Protein backbone atom coordinates (compact mmCIF):
# COMPACT_ATOMS: atom_id res chain seq x y z
CA UNK A 1 128.79 27.04 -167.06
CA UNK A 2 125.42 27.63 -164.91
CA UNK A 3 124.21 24.72 -163.33
CA UNK A 4 120.14 24.38 -162.67
CA UNK A 5 118.40 22.58 -160.01
CA UNK A 6 118.99 18.64 -160.56
CA UNK A 7 122.03 19.29 -163.09
CA UNK A 8 125.35 18.40 -162.06
CA UNK A 9 128.47 19.29 -164.17
CA UNK A 10 129.84 15.90 -163.80
CA UNK A 11 128.22 13.39 -166.56
CA UNK A 12 127.33 9.85 -165.93
CA UNK A 13 125.13 7.56 -167.30
CA UNK A 14 124.31 4.08 -165.66
CA UNK A 15 123.74 2.04 -168.92
CA UNK A 16 125.39 -0.39 -171.11
CA UNK A 17 126.07 1.10 -174.77
CA UNK A 18 125.78 -0.14 -177.81
CA UNK A 19 129.38 -1.49 -177.80
CA UNK A 20 128.75 -3.25 -174.74
CA UNK A 21 125.36 -5.06 -175.72
CA UNK A 22 127.14 -8.39 -177.06
CA UNK A 23 129.56 -8.67 -173.96
CA UNK A 24 126.32 -7.67 -171.99
CA UNK A 25 124.44 -10.96 -173.49
CA UNK A 26 127.54 -13.36 -172.40
CA UNK A 27 127.58 -11.56 -168.53
CA UNK A 28 125.63 -13.70 -166.25
CA UNK A 29 123.34 -12.03 -163.42
CA UNK A 30 125.90 -11.82 -161.06
CA UNK A 31 128.52 -10.58 -163.50
CA UNK A 32 126.12 -7.62 -164.38
CA UNK A 33 125.21 -6.48 -160.98
CA UNK A 34 129.17 -6.79 -159.88
CA UNK A 35 129.53 -4.30 -162.85
CA UNK A 36 126.81 -2.42 -162.12
CA UNK A 37 128.41 -1.83 -158.36
CA UNK A 38 131.75 -1.41 -159.82
CA UNK A 39 130.10 2.12 -162.21
CA UNK A 40 128.17 3.16 -159.27
CA UNK A 41 131.39 3.00 -156.79
CA UNK A 42 133.49 4.71 -159.57
CA UNK A 43 131.04 7.69 -160.00
CA UNK A 44 130.72 8.42 -156.35
CA UNK A 45 134.66 8.22 -156.11
CA UNK A 46 134.77 10.95 -159.24
CA UNK A 47 132.19 12.90 -157.23
CA UNK A 48 133.90 12.95 -153.93
CA UNK A 49 136.99 14.26 -155.65
CA UNK A 50 134.75 17.25 -157.44
CA UNK A 51 133.65 18.14 -154.15
CA UNK A 52 137.01 18.35 -152.78
CA UNK A 53 137.28 21.17 -154.84
CA UNK A 54 133.55 22.85 -154.89
CA UNK A 55 132.12 21.75 -151.11
CA UNK A 56 129.20 24.00 -151.47
CA UNK A 57 127.97 22.33 -154.87
CA UNK A 58 124.78 21.24 -154.03
CA UNK A 59 123.76 19.30 -156.99
CA UNK A 60 127.01 17.14 -156.42
CA UNK A 61 126.03 16.05 -153.10
CA UNK A 62 122.67 15.27 -153.84
CA UNK A 63 123.96 13.59 -157.14
CA UNK A 64 126.38 11.61 -154.28
CA UNK A 65 123.74 10.73 -152.15
CA UNK A 66 121.37 9.34 -154.40
CA UNK A 67 124.11 7.12 -156.17
CA UNK A 68 125.34 6.57 -152.42
CA UNK A 69 121.44 4.91 -151.77
CA UNK A 70 122.25 2.96 -155.25
CA UNK A 71 124.74 1.42 -154.09
CA UNK A 72 123.57 0.21 -150.71
CA UNK A 73 120.53 -1.41 -152.66
CA UNK A 74 122.81 -2.70 -155.07
CA UNK A 75 124.97 -4.21 -152.45
CA UNK A 76 121.86 -5.30 -150.36
CA UNK A 77 120.70 -7.18 -153.72
CA UNK A 78 123.96 -8.99 -154.54
CA UNK A 79 124.45 -10.19 -151.20
CA UNK A 80 121.26 -11.79 -150.66
CA UNK A 81 121.51 -13.35 -153.53
CA UNK A 82 125.37 -14.29 -153.70
CA UNK A 83 126.39 -14.30 -150.26
CA UNK A 84 128.86 -11.29 -148.38
CA UNK A 85 130.64 -8.80 -150.91
CA UNK A 86 133.67 -8.31 -148.97
CA UNK A 87 134.83 -10.25 -146.37
CA UNK A 88 134.12 -7.84 -143.61
CA UNK A 89 130.93 -8.41 -144.48
CA UNK A 90 130.93 -11.85 -144.09
CA UNK A 91 128.99 -12.89 -140.67
CA UNK A 92 132.00 -15.43 -140.34
CA UNK A 93 135.24 -16.40 -141.79
CA UNK A 94 133.46 -19.60 -142.62
CA UNK A 95 130.70 -17.98 -144.57
CA UNK A 96 133.42 -16.01 -146.78
CA UNK A 97 135.03 -19.03 -147.73
CA UNK A 98 132.03 -21.32 -148.56
CA UNK A 99 130.92 -19.44 -152.15
CA UNK A 100 132.58 -19.80 -154.88
CA UNK A 101 136.05 -18.35 -155.60
CA UNK A 102 136.26 -16.28 -158.66
CA UNK A 103 138.00 -19.24 -160.92
CA UNK A 104 134.99 -21.67 -159.86
CA UNK A 105 132.32 -19.13 -161.42
CA UNK A 106 131.21 -20.02 -164.46
């Protein structure tokens, strides 16, 4: 397989399939942001595994960099709207426990 400029041999799309449209309608904005974060993090993990065996792949490295930028932006957006994503990102332990717990989110 020959890769062209801007191509990566790892397939990755960042959208909901037609089958997930009904589920997406039931999801809150917070849930959608979390799903996007999870999807981007998974894609980054997969590309890191690919780069372990193909360290010279500039296409994969470029894709990883793009996804990393996207992850940072999504994480910032989530934290601006809903508070820290991880306890280590909280300014204090009190800030971490002030938000709703997962079972309290509707």
